[in-house]
C-alpha atoms as a PDB file:
ATOM      1  CA  MET A   1     -31.608   5.964  -8.251  1.00  0.00           C
ATOM      2  CA  THR A   2     -33.968   8.075 -10.294  1.00  0.00           C
ATOM      3  CA  HIS A   3     -33.025  11.077 -12.339  1.00  0.00           C
ATOM      4  CA  PRO A   4     -34.902  14.003 -13.907  1.00  0.00           C
ATOM      5  CA  ALA A   5     -37.007  12.835 -16.767  1.00  0.00           C
ATOM      6  CA  ALA A   6     -35.441  13.020 -20.179  1.00  0.00           C
ATOM      7  CA  THR A   7     -37.040  12.583 -23.598  1.00  0.00           C
ATOM      8  CA  PRO A   8     -34.181  11.393 -25.747  1.00  0.00           C
ATOM      9  CA  THR A   9     -34.566  10.998 -29.465  1.00  0.00           C
ATOM     10  CA  LEU A  10     -33.472   7.575 -30.641  1.00  0.00           C
ATOM     11  CA  ARG A  11     -31.347   7.411 -33.739  1.00  0.00           C
ATOM     12  CA  GLN A  12     -32.353   4.690 -36.142  1.00  0.00           C
ATOM     13  CA  PRO A  13     -29.272   4.357 -38.317  1.00  0.00           C
ATOM     14  CA  THR A  14     -29.493   2.534 -41.593  1.00  0.00           C
ATOM     15  CA  VAL A  15     -26.725   0.628 -43.242  1.00  0.00           C
ATOM     16  CA  GLY A  16     -26.248   1.005 -46.910  1.00  0.00           C
ATOM     17  CA  LYS A  17     -24.767  -1.749 -49.048  1.00  0.00           C
ATOM     18  CA  GLY A  18     -21.057  -1.935 -48.364  1.00  0.00           C
ATOM     19  CA  THR A  19     -21.051   1.262 -46.279  1.00  0.00           C
ATOM     20  CA  LEU A  20     -21.405   2.337 -42.672  1.00  0.00           C
ATOM     21  CA  THR A  21     -23.689   5.181 -41.672  1.00  0.00           C
ATOM     22  CA  THR A  22     -22.484   8.100 -39.596  1.00  0.00           C
ATOM     23  CA  GLY A  23     -24.320   6.744 -36.524  1.00  0.00           C
ATOM     24  CA  THR A  24     -22.679   3.329 -36.834  1.00  0.00           C
ATOM     25  CA  THR A  25     -19.252   4.839 -37.401  1.00  0.00           C
ATOM     26  CA  HIS A  26     -19.763   7.016 -34.330  1.00  0.00           C
ATOM     27  CA  ARG A  27     -20.563   3.964 -32.202  1.00  0.00           C
ATOM     28  CA  PHE A  28     -17.487   2.114 -33.461  1.00  0.00           C
ATOM     29  CA  SER A  29     -15.319   5.152 -32.741  1.00  0.00           C
ATOM     30  CA  ARG A  30     -16.833   5.507 -29.277  1.00  0.00           C
ATOM     31  CA  ALA A  31     -16.273   1.808 -28.547  1.00  0.00           C
ATOM     32  CA  ILE A  32     -12.630   1.943 -29.629  1.00  0.00           C
ATOM     33  CA  THR A  33     -11.989   5.065 -27.558  1.00  0.00           C
ATOM     34  CA  LEU A  34     -13.698   3.573 -24.498  1.00  0.00           C
ATOM     35  CA  GLY A  35     -11.808   0.313 -24.860  1.00  0.00           C
ATOM     36  CA  ALA A  36      -8.443   2.028 -25.102  1.00  0.00           C
ATOM     37  CA  SER A  37      -9.190   4.254 -22.124  1.00  0.00           C
ATOM     38  CA  SER A  38     -10.375   1.331 -20.002  1.00  0.00           C
ATOM     39  CA  ILE A  39      -7.300  -0.754 -20.834  1.00  0.00           C
ATOM     40  CA  ARG A  40      -4.972   2.092 -19.917  1.00  0.00           C
ATOM     41  CA  ALA A  41      -6.888   2.897 -16.721  1.00  0.00           C
ATOM     42  CA  ASP A  42      -7.280  -0.697 -15.531  1.00  0.00           C
ATOM     43  CA  GLY A  43      -3.686  -1.523 -16.429  1.00  0.00           C
ATOM     44  CA  SER A  44      -2.419   1.497 -14.531  1.00  0.00           C
ATOM     45  CA  ALA A  45      -4.579   0.642 -11.523  1.00  0.00           C
ATOM     46  CA  PHE A  46      -3.261  -2.920 -11.411  1.00  0.00           C
ATOM     47  CA  ALA A  47       0.318  -1.668 -11.690  1.00  0.00           C
ATOM     48  CA  VAL A  48      -0.234   0.695  -8.760  1.00  0.00           C
ATOM     49  CA  ILE A  49      -1.807  -2.089  -6.674  1.00  0.00           C
ATOM     50  CA  ALA A  50       1.075  -4.444  -7.426  1.00  0.00           C
ATOM     51  CA  TRP A  51       3.651  -1.822  -6.511  1.00  0.00           C
ATOM     52  CA  ILE A  52       1.878  -0.973  -3.227  1.00  0.00           C
ATOM     53  CA  GLN A  53       1.578  -4.667  -2.366  1.00  0.00           C
ATOM     54  CA  LEU A  54       5.333  -5.055  -2.726  1.00  0.00           C
ATOM     55  CA  GLN A  55       6.325  -1.754  -1.108  1.00  0.00           C
ATOM     56  CA  VAL A  56       3.813  -0.638   1.537  1.00  0.00           C
ATOM     57  CA  PRO A  57       3.549  -3.468   4.082  1.00  0.00           C
ATOM     58  CA  ALA A  58       7.125  -3.170   5.337  1.00  0.00           C
ATOM     59  CA  SER A  59       6.690   0.468   6.366  1.00  0.00           C
ATOM     60  CA  ALA A  60       3.055   0.119   7.371  1.00  0.00           C
ATOM     61  CA  VAL A  61       3.761  -2.536   9.987  1.00  0.00           C
ATOM     62  CA  GLU A  62       7.109  -1.382  11.351  1.00  0.00           C
ATOM     63  CA  GLU A  63       5.514  -0.846  14.756  1.00  0.00           C
ATOM     64  CA  HIS A  64       3.249  -3.875  14.683  1.00  0.00           C
ATOM     65  CA  ASP A  65       5.120  -5.850  17.345  1.00  0.00           C
ATOM     66  CA  VAL A  66       5.044  -2.879  19.719  1.00  0.00           C
ATOM     67  CA  GLU A  67       1.404  -2.072  19.105  1.00  0.00           C
ATOM     68  CA  ALA A  68       0.322  -5.708  19.386  1.00  0.00           C
ATOM     69  CA  SER A  69       1.431  -5.721  23.025  1.00  0.00           C
ATOM     70  CA  ASP A  70      -1.536  -3.494  23.779  1.00  0.00           C
ATOM     71  CA  PRO A  71      -4.749  -5.554  23.361  1.00  0.00           C
ATOM     72  CA  ARG A  72      -6.687  -2.448  22.364  1.00  0.00           C
ATOM     73  CA  LEU A  73      -4.303  -1.905  19.440  1.00  0.00           C
ATOM     74  CA  SER A  74      -3.984  -5.519  18.371  1.00  0.00           C
ATOM     75  CA  ASN A  75      -4.482  -5.562  14.633  1.00  0.00           C
ATOM     76  CA  PRO A  76      -3.286  -8.746  12.936  1.00  0.00           C
ATOM     77  CA  GLY A  77      -4.611  -7.502   9.636  1.00  0.00           C
ATOM     78  CA  LEU A  78      -1.660  -5.129   9.399  1.00  0.00           C
ATOM     79  CA  THR A  79       0.881  -7.916   9.209  1.00  0.00           C
ATOM     80  CA  PRO A  80       2.509  -8.410   5.803  1.00  0.00           C
ATOM     81  CA  ALA A  81       0.519 -10.573   3.430  1.00  0.00           C
ATOM     82  CA  LYS A  82       1.298 -14.266   3.782  1.00  0.00           C
ATOM     83  CA  GLY A  83      -0.060 -17.476   2.375  1.00  0.00           C
ATOM     84  CA  VAL A  84      -0.763 -18.541  -1.190  1.00  0.00           C
ATOM     85  CA  GLN A  85       1.041 -16.292  -3.623  1.00  0.00           C
ATOM     86  CA  GLY A  86       0.039 -15.496  -7.158  1.00  0.00           C
ATOM     87  CA  HIS A  87       1.874 -13.738  -9.982  1.00  0.00           C
ATOM     88  CA  ARG A  88       5.254 -12.327  -8.895  1.00  0.00           C
ATOM     89  CA  GLY A  89       4.531 -12.807  -5.217  1.00  0.00           C
ATOM     90  CA  ILE A  90       1.217 -10.922  -5.184  1.00  0.00           C
ATOM     91  CA  PRO A  91      -1.346 -12.779  -2.997  1.00  0.00           C
ATOM     92  CA  ARG A  92      -4.051 -14.513  -4.972  1.00  0.00           C
ATOM     93  CA  ALA A  93      -6.707 -12.688  -2.978  1.00  0.00           C
ATOM     94  CA  VAL A  94      -5.377  -9.392  -4.337  1.00  0.00           C
ATOM     95  CA  LEU A  95      -5.388 -10.808  -7.854  1.00  0.00           C
ATOM     96  CA  GLY A  96      -8.900 -12.178  -7.370  1.00  0.00           C
ATOM     97  CA  PHE A  97     -10.475  -8.984  -6.068  1.00  0.00           C
ATOM     98  CA  THR A  98      -8.607  -6.892  -8.630  1.00  0.00           C
ATOM     99  CA  ALA A  99      -9.681  -9.137 -11.502  1.00  0.00           C
ATOM    100  CA  SER A 100     -13.291  -9.006 -10.276  1.00  0.00           C
ATOM    101  CA  ALA A 101     -13.266  -5.202 -10.169  1.00  0.00           C
ATOM    102  CA  VAL A 102     -11.619  -4.902 -13.583  1.00  0.00           C
ATOM    103  CA  SER A 103     -14.170  -7.301 -15.095  1.00  0.00           C
ATOM    104  CA  LEU A 104     -17.006  -5.388 -13.451  1.00  0.00           C
ATOM    105  CA  LEU A 105     -16.004  -2.066 -14.991  1.00  0.00           C
ATOM    106  CA  ALA A 106     -15.161  -3.564 -18.380  1.00  0.00           C
ATOM    107  CA  ILE A 107     -18.482  -5.396 -18.699  1.00  0.00           C
ATOM    108  CA  SER A 108     -20.596  -2.529 -17.347  1.00  0.00           C
ATOM    109  CA  TYR A 109     -19.135   0.220 -19.513  1.00  0.00           C
ATOM    110  CA  GLY A 110     -18.772  -2.195 -22.407  1.00  0.00           C
ATOM    111  CA  VAL A 111     -22.478  -1.699 -23.142  1.00  0.00           C
ATOM    112  CA  PHE A 112     -21.499   1.531 -24.889  1.00  0.00           C
ATOM    113  CA  VAL A 113     -20.432  -0.541 -27.895  1.00  0.00           C
ATOM    114  CA  LEU A 114     -24.130  -1.297 -28.390  1.00  0.00           C
ATOM    115  CA  ASP A 115     -26.655   0.841 -30.222  1.00  0.00           C
ATOM    116  CA  ASP A 116     -28.255   3.767 -28.429  1.00  0.00           C
ATOM    117  CA  ALA A 117     -31.687   2.150 -28.164  1.00  0.00           C
ATOM    118  CA  THR A 118     -30.232  -0.834 -26.282  1.00  0.00           C
ATOM    119  CA  ILE A 119     -28.222   1.416 -23.963  1.00  0.00           C
ATOM    120  CA  LEU A 120     -31.326   3.454 -23.165  1.00  0.00           C
ATOM    121  CA  ALA A 121     -33.299   0.278 -22.464  1.00  0.00           C
ATOM    122  CA  LEU A 122     -30.640  -1.078 -20.110  1.00  0.00           C
ATOM    123  CA  GLY A 123     -30.217   2.221 -18.259  1.00  0.00           C
ATOM    124  CA  LYS A 124     -33.837   3.309 -18.050  1.00  0.00           C
ATOM    125  CA  GLU A 125     -35.947   3.706 -14.915  1.00  0.00           C
ATOM    126  CA  ASP A 126     -36.621   0.208 -13.528  1.00  0.00           C
ATOM    127  CA  GLY A 127     -34.092  -1.136 -16.008  1.00  0.00           C
ATOM    128  CA  LEU A 128     -31.363  -3.742 -15.622  1.00  0.00           C
ATOM    129  CA  PHE A 129     -28.753  -1.450 -14.090  1.00  0.00           C
ATOM    130  CA  GLU A 130     -31.122   0.194 -11.609  1.00  0.00           C
ATOM    131  CA  TYR A 131     -32.241  -3.167 -10.256  1.00  0.00           C
ATOM    132  CA  ALA A 132     -28.632  -4.384 -10.254  1.00  0.00           C
ATOM    133  CA  THR A 133     -27.756  -1.386  -8.078  1.00  0.00           C
ATOM    134  CA  ALA A 134     -30.557  -2.162  -5.634  1.00  0.00           C
ATOM    135  CA  ILE A 135     -29.642  -5.854  -5.454  1.00  0.00           C
ATOM    136  CA  CYS A 136     -25.943  -5.146  -4.871  1.00  0.00           C
ATOM    137  CA  PHE A 137     -26.708  -2.610  -2.141  1.00  0.00           C
ATOM    138  CA  GLY A 138     -29.184  -5.002  -0.518  1.00  0.00           C
ATOM    139  CA  VAL A 139     -26.848  -8.019  -0.536  1.00  0.00           C
ATOM    140  CA  ALA A 140     -23.944  -5.858   0.685  1.00  0.00           C
ATOM    141  CA  GLY A 141     -26.117  -4.617   3.549  1.00  0.00           C
ATOM    142  CA  VAL A 142     -27.048  -8.156   4.567  1.00  0.00           C
ATOM    143  CA  LEU A 143     -23.409  -9.312   4.437  1.00  0.00           C
ATOM    144  CA  PHE A 144     -22.259  -6.412   6.605  1.00  0.00           C
ATOM    145  CA  LEU A 145     -24.973  -7.243   9.142  1.00  0.00           C
ATOM    146  CA  VAL A 146     -23.781 -10.866   9.157  1.00  0.00           C
ATOM    147  CA  CYS A 147     -20.260  -9.635   9.825  1.00  0.00           C
ATOM    148  CA  PHE A 148     -21.566  -7.494  12.678  1.00  0.00           C
ATOM    149  CA  ALA A 149     -23.557 -10.337  14.224  1.00  0.00           C
ATOM    150  CA  THR A 150     -20.614 -12.738  14.135  1.00  0.00           C
ATOM    151  CA  SER A 151     -17.827 -10.307  14.984  1.00  0.00           C
ATOM    152  CA  ARG A 152     -16.070 -10.642  18.327  1.00  0.00           C
ATOM    153  CA  ALA A 153     -13.839  -7.584  18.175  1.00  0.00           C
ATOM    154  CA  GLY A 154     -15.656  -4.517  19.463  1.00  0.00           C
ATOM    155  CA  ASN A 155     -14.819  -0.808  19.383  1.00  0.00           C
ATOM    156  CA  ASP A 156     -12.937   1.414  21.802  1.00  0.00           C
ATOM    157  CA  LEU A 157     -14.669   4.753  21.275  1.00  0.00           C
ATOM    158  CA  LEU A 158     -13.079   6.566  24.215  1.00  0.00           C
ATOM    159  CA  LEU A 159     -16.120   6.830  26.498  1.00  0.00           C
ATOM    160  CA  LEU A 160     -17.863   3.865  24.921  1.00  0.00           C
ATOM    161  CA  GLN A 161     -16.643   0.303  24.453  1.00  0.00           C
ATOM    162  CA  THR A 162     -18.686  -2.174  22.435  1.00  0.00           C
ATOM    163  CA  ARG A 163     -18.645  -5.951  22.295  1.00  0.00           C
ATOM    164  CA  ARG A 164     -19.238  -6.040  18.543  1.00  0.00           C
ATOM    165  CA  ASN A 165     -18.036  -3.809  15.720  1.00  0.00           C
ATOM    166  CA  VAL A 166     -20.721  -1.129  15.401  1.00  0.00           C
ATOM    167  CA  PHE A 167     -19.133   0.200  12.206  1.00  0.00           C
ATOM    168  CA  LEU A 168     -20.198  -3.014  10.483  1.00  0.00           C
ATOM    169  CA  LEU A 169     -23.736  -2.462  11.754  1.00  0.00           C
ATOM    170  CA  LEU A 170     -23.776   1.106  10.422  1.00  0.00           C
ATOM    171  CA  LEU A 171     -22.479  -0.008   7.033  1.00  0.00           C
ATOM    172  CA  GLY A 172     -25.116  -2.733   6.845  1.00  0.00           C
ATOM    173  CA  LEU A 173     -27.943  -0.330   7.646  1.00  0.00           C
ATOM    174  CA  LEU A 174     -26.559   2.267   5.212  1.00  0.00           C
ATOM    175  CA  PHE A 175     -26.567  -0.112   2.265  1.00  0.00           C
ATOM    176  CA  LEU A 176     -29.984  -1.531   3.085  1.00  0.00           C
ATOM    177  CA  PHE A 177     -31.213   2.064   3.106  1.00  0.00           C
ATOM    178  CA  GLY A 178     -29.551   2.597  -0.280  1.00  0.00           C
ATOM    179  CA  CYS A 179     -31.301  -0.488  -1.635  1.00  0.00           C
ATOM    180  CA  GLY A 180     -34.701   0.815  -0.563  1.00  0.00           C
ATOM    181  CA  GLU A 181     -34.023   4.287  -1.922  1.00  0.00           C
ATOM    182  CA  GLU A 182     -32.888   2.943  -5.283  1.00  0.00           C
ATOM    183  CA  ILE A 183     -36.284   1.368  -5.990  1.00  0.00           C
ATOM    184  CA  SER A 184     -38.297   4.011  -4.071  1.00  0.00           C
ATOM    185  CA  TRP A 185     -39.020   1.421  -1.391  1.00  0.00           C
ATOM    186  CA  GLY A 186     -40.808  -0.819  -3.868  1.00  0.00           C
ATOM    187  CA  GLN A 187     -43.307   1.833  -4.906  1.00  0.00           C
ATOM    188  CA  ARG A 188     -43.508   0.815  -8.567  1.00  0.00           C
ATOM    189  CA  LEU A 189     -43.223  -2.886  -7.751  1.00  0.00           C
ATOM    190  CA  LEU A 190     -46.064  -2.763  -5.237  1.00  0.00           C
ATOM    191  CA  GLY A 191     -48.031  -0.073  -7.029  1.00  0.00           C
ATOM    192  CA  PHE A 192     -48.746   2.318  -4.148  1.00  0.00           C
ATOM    193  CA  ASP A 193     -49.078   6.086  -4.581  1.00  0.00           C
ATOM    194  CA  THR A 194     -46.766   8.721  -3.189  1.00  0.00           C
ATOM    195  CA  PRO A 195     -48.280  10.525  -0.178  1.00  0.00           C
ATOM    196  CA  ASP A 196     -49.216  14.112  -1.054  1.00  0.00           C
ATOM    197  CA  SER A 197     -46.976  15.518   1.682  1.00  0.00           C
ATOM    198  CA  ILE A 198     -43.954  13.855   0.035  1.00  0.00           C
ATOM    199  CA  ALA A 199     -45.009  14.422  -3.568  1.00  0.00           C
ATOM    200  CA  ARG A 200     -45.127  18.184  -3.036  1.00  0.00           C
ATOM    201  CA  VAL A 201     -41.443  18.348  -2.069  1.00  0.00           C
ATOM    202  CA  ASN A 202     -40.084  15.489  -4.188  1.00  0.00           C
ATOM    203  CA  LEU A 203     -38.769  16.426  -7.629  1.00  0.00           C
ATOM    204  CA  GLN A 204     -39.782  13.036  -9.041  1.00  0.00           C
ATOM    205  CA  ARG A 205     -42.962  12.761  -6.949  1.00  0.00           C
ATOM    206  CA  GLU A 206     -41.705   9.412  -5.633  1.00  0.00           C
ATOM    207  CA  THR A 207     -41.559   7.808  -2.199  1.00  0.00           C
ATOM    208  CA  ASN A 208     -37.895   8.344  -1.464  1.00  0.00           C
ATOM    209  CA  ILE A 209     -35.572  10.749   0.304  1.00  0.00           C
ATOM    210  CA  HIS A 210     -32.794  11.345  -2.207  1.00  0.00           C
ATOM    211  CA  ASN A 211     -35.143  13.143  -4.609  1.00  0.00           C
ATOM    212  CA  LEU A 212     -36.521  15.517  -1.971  1.00  0.00           C
ATOM    213  CA  THR A 213     -35.795  19.117  -2.935  1.00  0.00           C
ATOM    214  CA  ILE A 214     -33.522  19.667   0.055  1.00  0.00           C
ATOM    215  CA  PHE A 215     -31.353  16.646  -0.816  1.00  0.00           C
ATOM    216  CA  HIS A 216     -31.343  16.980  -4.604  1.00  0.00           C
ATOM    217  CA  ARG A 217     -28.609  18.701  -6.602  1.00  0.00           C
ATOM    218  CA  ARG A 218     -31.259  20.780  -8.395  1.00  0.00           C
ATOM    219  CA  ASP A 219     -33.819  23.130  -6.917  1.00  0.00           C
ATOM    220  CA  ALA A 220     -37.573  23.073  -7.507  1.00  0.00           C
ATOM    221  CA  GLY A 221     -37.073  25.084 -10.687  1.00  0.00           C
ATOM    222  CA  GLY A 222     -34.612  22.574 -12.116  1.00  0.00           C
ATOM    223  CA  GLU A 223     -31.582  24.833 -11.670  1.00  0.00           C
ATOM    224  CA  GLU A 224     -28.263  23.488 -10.393  1.00  0.00           C
ATOM    225  CA  LYS A 225     -27.666  24.364  -6.753  1.00  0.00           C
ATOM    226  CA  THR A 226     -24.480  26.092  -5.664  1.00  0.00           C
ATOM    227  CA  GLY A 227     -22.376  26.402  -2.522  1.00  0.00           C
ATOM    228  CA  LEU A 228     -23.306  24.564   0.658  1.00  0.00           C
ATOM    229  CA  THR A 229     -26.742  23.547  -0.600  1.00  0.00           C
ATOM    230  CA  LEU A 230     -25.100  21.583  -3.426  1.00  0.00           C
ATOM    231  CA  TRP A 231     -22.795  19.759  -1.011  1.00  0.00           C
ATOM    232  CA  LEU A 232     -25.813  18.756   1.085  1.00  0.00           C
ATOM    233  CA  SER A 233     -27.249  16.827  -1.845  1.00  0.00           C
ATOM    234  CA  VAL A 234     -27.271  13.035  -1.550  1.00  0.00           C
ATOM    235  CA  GLU A 235     -25.168  12.778  -4.698  1.00  0.00           C
ATOM    236  CA  ARG A 236     -22.338  14.867  -3.236  1.00  0.00           C
ATOM    237  CA  LEU A 237     -22.577  13.252   0.197  1.00  0.00           C
ATOM    238  CA  PHE A 238     -22.318   9.804  -1.381  1.00  0.00           C
ATOM    239  CA  SER A 239     -19.274  10.939  -3.390  1.00  0.00           C
ATOM    240  CA  LEU A 240     -17.605  12.251  -0.235  1.00  0.00           C
ATOM    241  CA  PHE A 241     -18.341   8.958   1.516  1.00  0.00           C
ATOM    242  CA  TRP A 242     -16.785   6.624  -1.053  1.00  0.00           C
ATOM    243  CA  LEU A 243     -13.852   8.933  -1.753  1.00  0.00           C
ATOM    244  CA  THR A 244     -12.985   9.357   1.933  1.00  0.00           C
ATOM    245  CA  TYR A 245     -13.769   5.922   3.336  1.00  0.00           C
ATOM    246  CA  CYS A 246     -12.823   3.725   0.399  1.00  0.00           C
ATOM    247  CA  PHE A 247      -9.783   5.538  -0.992  1.00  0.00           C
ATOM    248  CA  VAL A 248      -8.344   8.302   1.196  1.00  0.00           C
ATOM    249  CA  VAL A 249      -8.501   6.407   4.500  1.00  0.00           C
ATOM    250  CA  PRO A 250      -6.696   3.289   3.193  1.00  0.00           C
ATOM    251  CA  LEU A 251      -3.944   5.507   1.785  1.00  0.00           C
ATOM    252  CA  VAL A 252      -3.609   7.531   4.985  1.00  0.00           C
ATOM    253  CA  VAL A 253      -3.508   4.392   7.151  1.00  0.00           C
ATOM    254  CA  GLY A 254      -0.349   3.267   5.413  1.00  0.00           C
ATOM    255  CA  ALA A 255       1.302   6.678   5.449  1.00  0.00           C
ATOM    256  CA  ILE A 256       0.497   8.404   8.752  1.00  0.00           C
ATOM    257  CA  ARG A 257       1.293   6.427  11.896  1.00  0.00           C
ATOM    258  CA  PRO A 258      -0.859   8.371  14.447  1.00  0.00           C
ATOM    259  CA  ILE A 259      -3.944   7.990  12.271  1.00  0.00           C
ATOM    260  CA  ARG A 260      -3.220   4.292  11.819  1.00  0.00           C
ATOM    261  CA  ARG A 261      -2.985   3.846  15.588  1.00  0.00           C
ATOM    262  CA  LEU A 262      -6.245   5.767  16.111  1.00  0.00           C
ATOM    263  CA  LEU A 263      -8.149   3.685  13.547  1.00  0.00           C
ATOM    264  CA  GLN A 264      -6.746   0.525  15.086  1.00  0.00           C
ATOM    265  CA  ARG A 265      -7.970   1.652  18.492  1.00  0.00           C
ATOM    266  CA  ILE A 266     -11.512   2.335  17.336  1.00  0.00           C
ATOM    267  CA  ASN A 267     -11.423  -0.800  15.148  1.00  0.00           C
ATOM    268  CA  LEU A 268     -12.594   0.839  11.933  1.00  0.00           C
ATOM    269  CA  PRO A 269     -12.823  -1.689   9.070  1.00  0.00           C
ATOM    270  CA  ILE A 270     -10.484  -0.475   6.327  1.00  0.00           C
ATOM    271  CA  VAL A 271     -11.259  -1.101   2.663  1.00  0.00           C
ATOM    272  CA  PRO A 272      -8.314  -2.861   0.957  1.00  0.00           C
ATOM    273  CA  LEU A 273      -6.564  -0.795  -1.692  1.00  0.00           C
ATOM    274  CA  CYS A 274      -7.048  -3.585  -4.218  1.00  0.00           C
ATOM    275  CA  LEU A 275     -10.715  -2.526  -4.161  1.00  0.00           C
ATOM    276  CA  GLY A 276     -10.485   1.070  -2.964  1.00  0.00           C
ATOM    277  CA  VAL A 277      -8.556   2.224  -6.020  1.00  0.00           C
ATOM    278  CA  PHE A 278     -11.472   1.261  -8.276  1.00  0.00           C
ATOM    279  CA  PHE A 279     -13.892   3.734  -6.694  1.00  0.00           C
ATOM    280  CA  PRO A 280     -12.189   6.847  -8.104  1.00  0.00           C
ATOM    281  CA  LEU A 281     -11.402   4.873 -11.266  1.00  0.00           C
ATOM    282  CA  ASN A 282     -15.112   4.185 -11.762  1.00  0.00           C
ATOM    283  CA  TYR A 283     -15.841   7.891 -11.379  1.00  0.00           C
ATOM    284  CA  ALA A 284     -13.050   8.845 -13.800  1.00  0.00           C
ATOM    285  CA  ILE A 285     -14.233   6.399 -16.490  1.00  0.00           C
ATOM    286  CA  ALA A 286     -17.830   7.629 -16.210  1.00  0.00           C
ATOM    287  CA  LYS A 287     -16.716  11.265 -16.373  1.00  0.00           C
ATOM    288  CA  SER A 288     -14.563  10.638 -19.458  1.00  0.00           C
ATOM    289  CA  ILE A 289     -17.457   8.907 -21.235  1.00  0.00           C
ATOM    290  CA  GLU A 290     -19.772  11.764 -20.259  1.00  0.00           C
ATOM    291  CA  LEU A 291     -17.408  14.269 -21.854  1.00  0.00           C
ATOM    292  CA  GLY A 292     -17.188  12.104 -24.960  1.00  0.00           C
ATOM    293  CA  LEU A 293     -20.979  11.993 -25.222  1.00  0.00           C
ATOM    294  CA  GLY A 294     -21.268  15.770 -25.019  1.00  0.00           C
ATOM    295  CA  GLY A 295     -22.203  16.269 -21.368  1.00  0.00           C
ATOM    296  CA  GLU A 296     -25.565  16.194 -19.610  1.00  0.00           C
ATOM    297  CA  THR A 297     -27.467  17.116 -22.774  1.00  0.00           C
ATOM    298  CA  SER A 298     -26.759  13.710 -24.311  1.00  0.00           C
ATOM    299  CA  PRO A 299     -29.696  11.263 -24.320  1.00  0.00           C
ATOM    300  CA  LEU A 300     -27.274   8.659 -22.975  1.00  0.00           C
ATOM    301  CA  HIS A 301     -26.337  10.746 -19.923  1.00  0.00           C
ATOM    302  CA  TRP A 302     -28.904   9.195 -17.573  1.00  0.00           C
ATOM    303  CA  PRO A 303     -28.134   5.591 -18.561  1.00  0.00           C
ATOM    304  CA  LEU A 304     -24.481   6.432 -17.922  1.00  0.00           C
ATOM    305  CA  LEU A 305     -25.340   7.590 -14.392  1.00  0.00           C
ATOM    306  CA  GLU A 306     -27.243   4.376 -13.726  1.00  0.00           C
ATOM    307  CA  ILE A 307     -24.258   2.329 -14.911  1.00  0.00           C
ATOM    308  CA  LYS A 308     -21.876   4.346 -12.725  1.00  0.00           C
ATOM    309  CA  GLU A 309     -24.116   3.868  -9.683  1.00  0.00           C
ATOM    310  CA  SER A 310     -24.433   0.129 -10.305  1.00  0.00           C
ATOM    311  CA  CYS A 311     -20.625  -0.141 -10.451  1.00  0.00           C
ATOM    312  CA  PHE A 312     -20.314   1.683  -7.121  1.00  0.00           C
ATOM    313  CA  ALA A 313     -22.884  -0.675  -5.601  1.00  0.00           C
ATOM    314  CA  ALA A 314     -21.093  -3.746  -6.974  1.00  0.00           C
ATOM    315  CA  LEU A 315     -17.753  -2.479  -5.601  1.00  0.00           C
ATOM    316  CA  PHE A 316     -19.340  -2.135  -2.163  1.00  0.00           C
ATOM    317  CA  LEU A 317     -20.666  -5.687  -2.536  1.00  0.00           C
ATOM    318  CA  LEU A 318     -17.121  -6.898  -3.265  1.00  0.00           C
ATOM    319  CA  THR A 319     -15.974  -4.995  -0.181  1.00  0.00           C
ATOM    320  CA  ALA A 320     -18.607  -6.765   1.921  1.00  0.00           C
ATOM    321  CA  VAL A 321     -17.462 -10.120   0.552  1.00  0.00           C
ATOM    322  CA  TYR A 322     -13.905  -9.184   1.495  1.00  0.00           C
ATOM    323  CA  PHE A 323     -14.876  -8.439   5.107  1.00  0.00           C
ATOM    324  CA  LEU A 324     -16.889 -11.656   5.249  1.00  0.00           C
ATOM    325  CA  ARG A 325     -13.859 -13.798   4.416  1.00  0.00           C
ATOM    326  CA  PRO A 326     -13.281 -16.090   7.419  1.00  0.00           C
ATOM    327  CA  THR A 327     -10.312 -15.713   9.737  1.00  0.00           C
ATOM    328  CA  THR A 328      -9.608 -18.599  12.113  1.00  0.00           C
ATOM    329  CA  GLY A 329     -13.147 -19.830  11.694  1.00  0.00           C
ATOM    330  CA  GLU A 330     -14.991 -16.615  12.486  1.00  0.00           C
ATOM    331  CA  CYS A 331     -16.188 -13.597  10.545  1.00  0.00           C
ATOM    332  CA  GLU A 332     -14.055 -10.626  11.504  1.00  0.00           C
ATOM    333  CA  ALA A 333     -13.564  -7.197   9.952  1.00  0.00           C
ATOM    334  CA  LYS A 334      -9.968  -7.094   8.812  1.00  0.00           C
ATOM    335  CA  ARG A 335      -8.248  -3.747   9.094  1.00  0.00           C
ATOM    336  CA  VAL A 336      -5.712  -4.182   6.342  1.00  0.00           C
ATOM    337  CA  LEU A 337      -3.990  -2.224   3.631  1.00  0.00           C
ATOM    338  CA  LEU A 338      -4.457  -4.922   1.002  1.00  0.00           C
ATOM    339  CA  ALA A 339      -6.458  -8.137   0.780  1.00  0.00           C
ATOM    340  CA  THR A 340      -4.700 -11.088   2.373  1.00  0.00           C
ATOM    341  CA  PRO A 341      -5.419 -14.749   1.771  1.00  0.00           C
END
């Protein structure tokens, strides 16, 4: 995803004999602070996941036997986790997905221990993290389409019943769209110009939708939008999507029985909490680093946004891998509270 152009000034710190410069000391301090924050955040997240794994299933499935008698409500994914167990009875799948997400965030935000010039190079336009975002979105989209094509459980949408899970199709198309948008549909790779009709209303003069004035968080004059116009920006809509679908819905499914029954009926694929909890955690880590850097005026602000977006994309890729895991020999979307083996 592209951002308003910035002209950061690179610091070129020098190291005197036996001493550290202010710039180097600042980087060490920033690395220590980031490391401590990440350890506390990731440790807390894993503790929450472990507690939910041990506590939630019993209450979440108390009506499973009754609901399973109705074929439209059959949802084997809501049975308590069984199979190969890991540390203290936690399924290895939970440990695996959790470890993958923790490693993802630690490695991605770990680049802030490097010098500013390297961070700017990694987070620049057409840099490593931007292409990583596009690749993760693209692969996630393909995997969701594979799940759709091979799924046998359809949707009961009141007046419409489907033979395959259309939610998987929508997710696949959404992430393929995100892949194209991230690289402006290959504009810089293929070298074609932006049509004049789009360039006039695109803040970056690129061939994409998310930078159109109507969908950007800033107006044509570069001022921050307010009110409803701000919430119509792609950035805010994306935030609402991951927060609602990946975090709030999994929590509500385990807590509110009528909503759980409704989502079972329509066969909505539910993100497991062992992954869903890392979406708000990713946002919180990025926001804390942003505050530590001094806000949007920092030259490292835009690389930070690229890193945050790449982490979101990678988390969605992990989610797609989760849904692709085979069940009785076929690819089915599992509507579960936590990953099961």
